Amino acid sequence: EYLEKHWEEPDEGIWEVRGPRRHFVHSKVMAWVAVDRTIKLVESGDVEGPLERWYQLRDDIHRDVCERGYDKERNTFTQSYGSKEL
């Protein structure tokens, strides 16, 4: 539940980057991984959970990262949304 409510917020990232909080691509991808692995646990029967809701969340995070964290001109993901840094 926490992840569902907070994945869209900017953060400090895992590096010691100076300045304001940002939408770090690495953080968004790690949120996607957390949801994806939780889905796999539910699918395997190890835990219970709202699969349809989590499928949608996983897709939303993926779409957001690809639309906002990818530089099409350079064919690469960036450090954070709107940044040219890698």
PDB file of N, CA and C in Angstrom:
ATOM      1  N   GLU A   1       0.807  -1.185   0.000  1.00  0.00           N
ATOM      2  CA  GLU A   1       0.000   0.000   0.000  1.00  0.00           C
ATOM      3  C   GLU A   1       0.862   1.266   0.000  1.00  0.00           C
ATOM      4  N   TYR A   2       1.928   1.257   0.774  1.00  0.00           N
ATOM      5  CA  TYR A   2       2.810   2.424   0.824  1.00  0.00           C
ATOM      6  C   TYR A   2       3.336   2.760  -0.574  1.00  0.00           C
ATOM      7  N   LEU A   3       3.795   1.757  -1.268  1.00  0.00           N
ATOM      8  CA  LEU A   3       4.361   1.965  -2.600  1.00  0.00           C
ATOM      9  C   LEU A   3       3.324   2.545  -3.552  1.00  0.00           C
ATOM     10  N   GLU A   4       2.107   2.049  -3.474  1.00  0.00           N
ATOM     11  CA  GLU A   4       1.042   2.558  -4.335  1.00  0.00           C
ATOM     12  C   GLU A   4       0.809   4.049  -4.121  1.00  0.00           C
ATOM     13  N   LYS A   5       0.949   4.498  -2.896  1.00  0.00           N
ATOM     14  CA  LYS A   5       0.667   5.897  -2.571  1.00  0.00           C
ATOM     15  C   LYS A   5       1.846   6.832  -2.816  1.00  0.00           C
ATOM     16  N   HIS A   6       3.061   6.293  -2.835  1.00  0.00           N
ATOM     17  CA  HIS A   6       4.233   7.175  -2.833  1.00  0.00           C
ATOM     18  C   HIS A   6       5.189   7.041  -4.019  1.00  0.00           C
ATOM     19  N   TRP A   7       4.979   6.087  -4.925  1.00  0.00           N
ATOM     20  CA  TRP A   7       5.958   5.887  -5.989  1.00  0.00           C
ATOM     21  C   TRP A   7       6.079   7.094  -6.920  1.00  0.00           C
ATOM     22  N   GLU A   8       5.047   7.898  -7.002  1.00  0.00           N
ATOM     23  CA  GLU A   8       5.071   9.052  -7.909  1.00  0.00           C
ATOM     24  C   GLU A   8       5.760  10.280  -7.315  1.00  0.00           C
ATOM     25  N   GLU A   9       6.189  10.190  -6.074  1.00  0.00           N
ATOM     26  CA  GLU A   9       6.833  11.330  -5.424  1.00  0.00           C
ATOM     27  C   GLU A   9       8.323  11.384  -5.764  1.00  0.00           C
ATOM     28  N   PRO A  10       8.885  12.591  -5.838  1.00  0.00           N
ATOM     29  CA  PRO A  10      10.340  12.696  -6.025  1.00  0.00           C
ATOM     30  C   PRO A  10      11.056  12.217  -4.767  1.00  0.00           C
ATOM     31  N   ASP A  11      12.337  11.876  -4.910  1.00  0.00           N
ATOM     32  CA  ASP A  11      13.105  11.387  -3.766  1.00  0.00           C
ATOM     33  C   ASP A  11      14.552  11.853  -3.879  1.00  0.00           C
ATOM     34  N   GLU A  12      15.376  11.422  -2.948  1.00  0.00           N
ATOM     35  CA  GLU A  12      16.790  11.793  -2.933  1.00  0.00           C
ATOM     36  C   GLU A  12      17.651  10.834  -3.747  1.00  0.00           C
ATOM     37  N   GLY A  13      17.114   9.700  -4.140  1.00  0.00           N
ATOM     38  CA  GLY A  13      17.897   8.720  -4.889  1.00  0.00           C
ATOM     39  C   GLY A  13      18.888   8.004  -3.988  1.00  0.00           C
ATOM     40  N   ILE A  14      19.706   7.148  -4.576  1.00  0.00           N
ATOM     41  CA  ILE A  14      20.685   6.399  -3.782  1.00  0.00           C
ATOM     42  C   ILE A  14      22.065   7.036  -3.811  1.00  0.00           C
ATOM     43  N   TRP A  15      22.238   8.057  -4.644  1.00  0.00           N
ATOM     44  CA  TRP A  15      23.524   8.729  -4.740  1.00  0.00           C
ATOM     45  C   TRP A  15      23.493  10.013  -3.930  1.00  0.00           C
ATOM     46  N   GLU A  16      24.635  10.548  -3.630  1.00  0.00           N
ATOM     47  CA  GLU A  16      24.704  11.817  -2.896  1.00  0.00           C
ATOM     48  C   GLU A  16      24.647  12.982  -3.876  1.00  0.00           C
ATOM     49  N   VAL A  17      23.498  13.147  -4.487  1.00  0.00           N
ATOM     50  CA  VAL A  17      23.279  14.222  -5.445  1.00  0.00           C
ATOM     51  C   VAL A  17      22.784  15.441  -4.681  1.00  0.00           C
ATOM     52  N   ARG A  18      23.406  16.574  -4.911  1.00  0.00           N
ATOM     53  CA  ARG A  18      23.005  17.812  -4.243  1.00  0.00           C
ATOM     54  C   ARG A  18      21.808  18.417  -4.963  1.00  0.00           C
ATOM     55  N   GLY A  19      21.003  19.117  -4.217  1.00  0.00           N
ATOM     56  CA  GLY A  19      19.874  19.799  -4.821  1.00  0.00           C
ATOM     57  C   GLY A  19      18.546  19.226  -4.360  1.00  0.00           C
ATOM     58  N   PRO A  20      17.494  19.658  -5.025  1.00  0.00           N
ATOM     59  CA  PRO A  20      16.149  19.245  -4.611  1.00  0.00           C
ATOM     60  C   PRO A  20      15.874  17.771  -4.914  1.00  0.00           C
ATOM     61  N   ARG A  21      14.820  17.283  -4.304  1.00  0.00           N
ATOM     62  CA  ARG A  21      14.377  15.919  -4.599  1.00  0.00           C
ATOM     63  C   ARG A  21      14.001  15.839  -6.077  1.00  0.00           C
ATOM     64  N   ARG A  22      14.202  14.670  -6.656  1.00  0.00           N
ATOM     65  CA  ARG A  22      13.921  14.476  -8.082  1.00  0.00           C
ATOM     66  C   ARG A  22      13.212  13.145  -8.297  1.00  0.00           C
ATOM     67  N   HIS A  23      12.738  12.979  -9.499  1.00  0.00           N
ATOM     68  CA  HIS A  23      12.157  11.702  -9.902  1.00  0.00           C
ATOM     69  C   HIS A  23      13.284  10.870 -10.517  1.00  0.00           C
ATOM     70  N   PHE A  24      14.055  10.203  -9.663  1.00  0.00           N
ATOM     71  CA  PHE A  24      15.169   9.395 -10.145  1.00  0.00           C
ATOM     72  C   PHE A  24      14.651   8.142 -10.836  1.00  0.00           C
ATOM     73  N   VAL A  25      15.173   7.880 -12.024  1.00  0.00           N
ATOM     74  CA  VAL A  25      14.747   6.719 -12.799  1.00  0.00           C
ATOM     75  C   VAL A  25      15.050   5.431 -12.031  1.00  0.00           C
ATOM     76  N   HIS A  26      16.203   5.352 -11.398  1.00  0.00           N
ATOM     77  CA  HIS A  26      16.551   4.152 -10.633  1.00  0.00           C
ATOM     78  C   HIS A  26      15.507   3.874  -9.552  1.00  0.00           C
ATOM     79  N   SER A  27      15.066   4.888  -8.865  1.00  0.00           N
ATOM     80  CA  SER A  27      14.055   4.713  -7.813  1.00  0.00           C
ATOM     81  C   SER A  27      12.742   4.204  -8.390  1.00  0.00           C
ATOM     82  N   LYS A  28      12.353   4.751  -9.535  1.00  0.00           N
ATOM     83  CA  LYS A  28      11.103   4.321 -10.168  1.00  0.00           C
ATOM     84  C   LYS A  28      11.211   2.870 -10.625  1.00  0.00           C
ATOM     85  N   VAL A  29      12.359   2.505 -11.181  1.00  0.00           N
ATOM     86  CA  VAL A  29      12.551   1.121 -11.630  1.00  0.00           C
ATOM     87  C   VAL A  29      12.543   0.170 -10.432  1.00  0.00           C
ATOM     88  N   MET A  30      13.131   0.573  -9.324  1.00  0.00           N
ATOM     89  CA  MET A  30      13.108  -0.278  -8.130  1.00  0.00           C
ATOM     90  C   MET A  30      11.683  -0.434  -7.594  1.00  0.00           C
ATOM     91  N   ALA A  31      10.856   0.601  -7.726  1.00  0.00           N
ATOM     92  CA  ALA A  31       9.443   0.481  -7.353  1.00  0.00           C
ATOM     93  C   ALA A  31       8.760  -0.533  -8.263  1.00  0.00           C
ATOM     94  N   TRP A  32       9.070  -0.468  -9.558  1.00  0.00           N
ATOM     95  CA  TRP A  32       8.517  -1.434 -10.516  1.00  0.00           C
ATOM     96  C   TRP A  32       8.933  -2.854 -10.142  1.00  0.00           C
ATOM     97  N   VAL A  33      10.206  -3.047  -9.807  1.00  0.00           N
ATOM     98  CA  VAL A  33      10.709  -4.372  -9.425  1.00  0.00           C
ATOM     99  C   VAL A  33       9.958  -4.882  -8.193  1.00  0.00           C
ATOM    100  N   ALA A  34       9.759  -4.028  -7.210  1.00  0.00           N
ATOM    101  CA  ALA A  34       9.052  -4.442  -5.994  1.00  0.00           C
ATOM    102  C   ALA A  34       7.640  -4.928  -6.316  1.00  0.00           C
ATOM    103  N   VAL A  35       6.937  -4.195  -7.163  1.00  0.00           N
ATOM    104  CA  VAL A  35       5.583  -4.600  -7.539  1.00  0.00           C
ATOM    105  C   VAL A  35       5.627  -5.892  -8.349  1.00  0.00           C
ATOM    106  N   ASP A  36       6.544  -5.979  -9.303  1.00  0.00           N
ATOM    107  CA  ASP A  36       6.653  -7.170 -10.141  1.00  0.00           C
ATOM    108  C   ASP A  36       6.936  -8.417  -9.308  1.00  0.00           C
ATOM    109  N   ARG A  37       7.844  -8.326  -8.352  1.00  0.00           N
ATOM    110  CA  ARG A  37       8.183  -9.492  -7.525  1.00  0.00           C
ATOM    111  C   ARG A  37       7.041  -9.862  -6.592  1.00  0.00           C
ATOM    112  N   THR A  38       6.303  -8.865  -6.122  1.00  0.00           N
ATOM    113  CA  THR A  38       5.136  -9.151  -5.293  1.00  0.00           C
ATOM    114  C   THR A  38       4.077  -9.879  -6.116  1.00  0.00           C
ATOM    115  N   ILE A  39       3.886  -9.450  -7.347  1.00  0.00           N
ATOM    116  CA  ILE A  39       2.957 -10.133  -8.250  1.00  0.00           C
ATOM    117  C   ILE A  39       3.370 -11.589  -8.417  1.00  0.00           C
ATOM    118  N   LYS A  40       4.650 -11.838  -8.612  1.00  0.00           N
ATOM    119  CA  LYS A  40       5.131 -13.211  -8.785  1.00  0.00           C
ATOM    120  C   LYS A  40       4.856 -14.062  -7.542  1.00  0.00           C
ATOM    121  N   LEU A  41       4.991 -13.470  -6.357  1.00  0.00           N
ATOM    122  CA  LEU A  41       4.681 -14.200  -5.121  1.00  0.00           C
ATOM    123  C   LEU A  41       3.201 -14.571  -5.056  1.00  0.00           C
ATOM    124  N   VAL A  42       2.342 -13.641  -5.449  1.00  0.00           N
ATOM    125  CA  VAL A  42       0.904 -13.915  -5.451  1.00  0.00           C
ATOM    126  C   VAL A  42       0.588 -14.989  -6.485  1.00  0.00           C
ATOM    127  N   GLU A  43       1.162 -14.867  -7.673  1.00  0.00           N
ATOM    128  CA  GLU A  43       0.904 -15.851  -8.728  1.00  0.00           C
ATOM    129  C   GLU A  43       1.362 -17.255  -8.340  1.00  0.00           C
ATOM    130  N   SER A  44       2.409 -17.342  -7.547  1.00  0.00           N
ATOM    131  CA  SER A  44       2.918 -18.653  -7.125  1.00  0.00           C
ATOM    132  C   SER A  44       2.134 -19.221  -5.941  1.00  0.00           C
ATOM    133  N   GLY A  45       1.246 -18.420  -5.371  1.00  0.00           N
ATOM    134  CA  GLY A  45       0.434 -18.880  -4.254  1.00  0.00           C
ATOM    135  C   GLY A  45       1.068 -18.684  -2.892  1.00  0.00           C
ATOM    136  N   ASP A  46       2.233 -18.023  -2.849  1.00  0.00           N
ATOM    137  CA  ASP A  46       2.923 -17.815  -1.574  1.00  0.00           C
ATOM    138  C   ASP A  46       2.258 -16.754  -0.699  1.00  0.00           C
ATOM    139  N   VAL A  47       1.645 -15.775  -1.312  1.00  0.00           N
ATOM    140  CA  VAL A  47       0.936 -14.719  -0.584  1.00  0.00           C
ATOM    141  C   VAL A  47      -0.340 -14.375  -1.347  1.00  0.00           C
ATOM    142  N   GLU A  48      -1.225 -13.655  -0.697  1.00  0.00           N
ATOM    143  CA  GLU A  48      -2.451 -13.200  -1.347  1.00  0.00           C
ATOM    144  C   GLU A  48      -2.370 -11.699  -1.580  1.00  0.00           C
ATOM    145  N   GLY A  49      -3.057 -11.249  -2.597  1.00  0.00           N
ATOM    146  CA  GLY A  49      -3.063  -9.824  -2.868  1.00  0.00           C
ATOM    147  C   GLY A  49      -3.936  -9.489  -4.053  1.00  0.00           C
ATOM    148  N   PRO A  50      -4.207  -8.199  -4.246  1.00  0.00           N
ATOM    149  CA  PRO A  50      -5.070  -7.725  -5.335  1.00  0.00           C
ATOM    150  C   PRO A  50      -4.321  -7.682  -6.669  1.00  0.00           C
ATOM    151  N   LEU A  51      -4.239  -8.826  -7.330  1.00  0.00           N
ATOM    152  CA  LEU A  51      -3.434  -8.931  -8.552  1.00  0.00           C
ATOM    153  C   LEU A  51      -3.793  -7.897  -9.610  1.00  0.00           C
ATOM    154  N   GLU A  52      -5.054  -7.732  -9.917  1.00  0.00           N
ATOM    155  CA  GLU A  52      -5.436  -6.807 -10.990  1.00  0.00           C
ATOM    156  C   GLU A  52      -4.954  -5.391 -10.691  1.00  0.00           C
ATOM    157  N   ARG A  53      -5.099  -4.986  -9.448  1.00  0.00           N
ATOM    158  CA  ARG A  53      -4.639  -3.647  -9.046  1.00  0.00           C
ATOM    159  C   ARG A  53      -3.129  -3.531  -9.195  1.00  0.00           C
ATOM    160  N   TRP A  54      -2.416  -4.578  -8.811  1.00  0.00           N
ATOM    161  CA  TRP A  54      -0.958  -4.546  -8.903  1.00  0.00           C
ATOM    162  C   TRP A  54      -0.471  -4.668 -10.340  1.00  0.00           C
ATOM    163  N   TYR A  55      -1.190  -5.405 -11.187  1.00  0.00           N
ATOM    164  CA  TYR A  55      -0.842  -5.423 -12.611  1.00  0.00           C
ATOM    165  C   TYR A  55      -0.911  -4.004 -13.169  1.00  0.00           C
ATOM    166  N   GLN A  56      -1.981  -3.301 -12.815  1.00  0.00           N
ATOM    167  CA  GLN A  56      -2.156  -1.927 -13.299  1.00  0.00           C
ATOM    168  C   GLN A  56      -1.057  -1.016 -12.775  1.00  0.00           C
ATOM    169  N   LEU A  57      -0.711  -1.145 -11.500  1.00  0.00           N
ATOM    170  CA  LEU A  57       0.351  -0.335 -10.909  1.00  0.00           C
ATOM    171  C   LEU A  57       1.676  -0.594 -11.609  1.00  0.00           C
ATOM    172  N   ARG A  58       1.994  -1.860 -11.825  1.00  0.00           N
ATOM    173  CA  ARG A  58       3.239  -2.212 -12.518  1.00  0.00           C
ATOM    174  C   ARG A  58       3.270  -1.582 -13.911  1.00  0.00           C
ATOM    175  N   ASP A  59       2.161  -1.673 -14.631  1.00  0.00           N
ATOM    176  CA  ASP A  59       2.086  -1.077 -15.972  1.00  0.00           C
ATOM    177  C   ASP A  59       2.205   0.443 -15.921  1.00  0.00           C
ATOM    178  N   ASP A  60       1.597   1.062 -14.926  1.00  0.00           N
ATOM    179  CA  ASP A  60       1.666   2.525 -14.785  1.00  0.00           C
ATOM    180  C   ASP A  60       3.102   2.990 -14.543  1.00  0.00           C
ATOM    181  N   ILE A  61       3.815   2.286 -13.671  1.00  0.00           N
ATOM    182  CA  ILE A  61       5.206   2.654 -13.387  1.00  0.00           C
ATOM    183  C   ILE A  61       6.060   2.470 -14.635  1.00  0.00           C
ATOM    184  N   HIS A  62       5.878   1.363 -15.326  1.00  0.00           N
ATOM    185  CA  HIS A  62       6.643   1.093 -16.553  1.00  0.00           C
ATOM    186  C   HIS A  62       6.413   2.191 -17.587  1.00  0.00           C
ATOM    187  N   ARG A  63       5.163   2.520 -17.799  1.00  0.00           N
ATOM    188  CA  ARG A  63       4.822   3.553 -18.784  1.00  0.00           C
ATOM    189  C   ARG A  63       5.432   4.902 -18.388  1.00  0.00           C
ATOM    190  N   ASP A  64       5.341   5.257 -17.118  1.00  0.00           N
ATOM    191  CA  ASP A  64       5.874   6.525 -16.627  1.00  0.00           C
ATOM    192  C   ASP A  64       7.383   6.609 -16.856  1.00  0.00           C
ATOM    193  N   VAL A  65       8.096   5.548 -16.519  1.00  0.00           N
ATOM    194  CA  VAL A  65       9.557   5.529 -16.700  1.00  0.00           C
ATOM    195  C   VAL A  65       9.915   5.646 -18.181  1.00  0.00           C
ATOM    196  N   CYS A  66       9.220   4.904 -19.023  1.00  0.00           N
ATOM    197  CA  CYS A  66       9.543   4.939 -20.454  1.00  0.00           C
ATOM    198  C   CYS A  66       9.207   6.285 -21.092  1.00  0.00           C
ATOM    199  N   GLU A  67       8.152   6.923 -20.631  1.00  0.00           N
ATOM    200  CA  GLU A  67       7.752   8.210 -21.198  1.00  0.00           C
ATOM    201  C   GLU A  67       8.568   9.379 -20.656  1.00  0.00           C
ATOM    202  N   ARG A  68       8.927   9.339 -19.373  1.00  0.00           N
ATOM    203  CA  ARG A  68       9.547  10.501 -18.739  1.00  0.00           C
ATOM    204  C   ARG A  68      11.023  10.328 -18.403  1.00  0.00           C
ATOM    205  N   GLY A  69      11.502   9.089 -18.403  1.00  0.00           N
ATOM    206  CA  GLY A  69      12.883   8.838 -18.007  1.00  0.00           C
ATOM    207  C   GLY A  69      13.767   8.331 -19.121  1.00  0.00           C
ATOM    208  N   TYR A  70      13.286   8.429 -20.349  1.00  0.00           N
ATOM    209  CA  TYR A  70      14.032   7.916 -21.496  1.00  0.00           C
ATOM    210  C   TYR A  70      14.294   9.039 -22.483  1.00  0.00           C
ATOM    211  N   ASP A  71      15.536   9.181 -22.903  1.00  0.00           N
ATOM    212  CA  ASP A  71      15.935  10.190 -23.886  1.00  0.00           C
ATOM    213  C   ASP A  71      15.985   9.517 -25.254  1.00  0.00           C
ATOM    214  N   LYS A  72      14.975   9.760 -26.073  1.00  0.00           N
ATOM    215  CA  LYS A  72      14.881   9.116 -27.387  1.00  0.00           C
ATOM    216  C   LYS A  72      16.000   9.546 -28.323  1.00  0.00           C
ATOM    217  N   GLU A  73      16.445  10.790 -28.203  1.00  0.00           N
ATOM    218  CA  GLU A  73      17.512  11.286 -29.078  1.00  0.00           C
ATOM    219  C   GLU A  73      18.811  10.534 -28.857  1.00  0.00           C
ATOM    220  N   ARG A  74      19.093  10.188 -27.604  1.00  0.00           N
ATOM    221  CA  ARG A  74      20.348   9.500 -27.284  1.00  0.00           C
ATOM    222  C   ARG A  74      20.156   8.004 -27.048  1.00  0.00           C
ATOM    223  N   ASN A  75      18.904   7.556 -27.121  1.00  0.00           N
ATOM    224  CA  ASN A  75      18.590   6.136 -26.971  1.00  0.00           C
ATOM    225  C   ASN A  75      19.081   5.583 -25.630  1.00  0.00           C
ATOM    226  N   THR A  76      18.743   6.311 -24.543  1.00  0.00           N
ATOM    227  CA  THR A  76      19.194   5.897 -23.214  1.00  0.00           C
ATOM    228  C   THR A  76      18.248   6.411 -22.134  1.00  0.00           C
ATOM    229  N   PHE A  77      18.255   5.735 -21.018  1.00  0.00           N
ATOM    230  CA  PHE A  77      17.540   6.241 -19.856  1.00  0.00           C
ATOM    231  C   PHE A  77      18.401   7.313 -19.200  1.00  0.00           C
ATOM    232  N   THR A  78      17.758   8.261 -18.545  1.00  0.00           N
ATOM    233  CA  THR A  78      18.470   9.353 -17.888  1.00  0.00           C
ATOM    234  C   THR A  78      18.496   9.132 -16.376  1.00  0.00           C
ATOM    235  N   GLN A  79      19.256   9.972 -15.689  1.00  0.00           N
ATOM    236  CA  GLN A  79      19.353   9.861 -14.231  1.00  0.00           C
ATOM    237  C   GLN A  79      18.014  10.174 -13.558  1.00  0.00           C
ATOM    238  N   SER A  80      17.354  11.209 -14.053  1.00  0.00           N
ATOM    239  CA  SER A  80      16.069  11.608 -13.478  1.00  0.00           C
ATOM    240  C   SER A  80      15.206  12.220 -14.574  1.00  0.00           C
ATOM    241  N   TYR A  81      13.929  12.329 -14.302  1.00  0.00           N
ATOM    242  CA  TYR A  81      12.994  12.869 -15.285  1.00  0.00           C
ATOM    243  C   TYR A  81      13.382  14.301 -15.643  1.00  0.00           C
ATOM    244  N   GLY A  82      13.436  14.583 -16.939  1.00  0.00           N
ATOM    245  CA  GLY A  82      13.756  15.917 -17.411  1.00  0.00           C
ATOM    246  C   GLY A  82      15.233  16.253 -17.419  1.00  0.00           C
ATOM    247  N   SER A  83      16.073  15.310 -17.047  1.00  0.00           N
ATOM    248  CA  SER A  83      17.517  15.538 -16.976  1.00  0.00           C
ATOM    249  C   SER A  83      18.212  14.959 -18.206  1.00  0.00           C
ATOM    250  N   LYS A  84      19.351  15.522 -18.544  1.00  0.00           N
ATOM    251  CA  LYS A  84      20.194  14.957 -19.602  1.00  0.00           C
ATOM    252  C   LYS A  84      21.304  14.092 -19.006  1.00  0.00           C
ATOM    253  N   GLU A  85      21.435  14.129 -17.671  1.00  0.00           N
ATOM    254  CA  GLU A  85      22.468  13.340 -16.991  1.00  0.00           C
ATOM    255  C   GLU A  85      22.145  11.856 -17.086  1.00  0.00           C
ATOM    256  N   LEU A  86      23.219  11.069 -17.212  1.00  0.00           N
ATOM    257  CA  LEU A  86      23.045   9.611 -17.248  1.00  0.00           C
ATOM    258  C   LEU A  86      23.427   9.008 -15.922  1.00  0.00           C
TER     259      LEU A  86
END
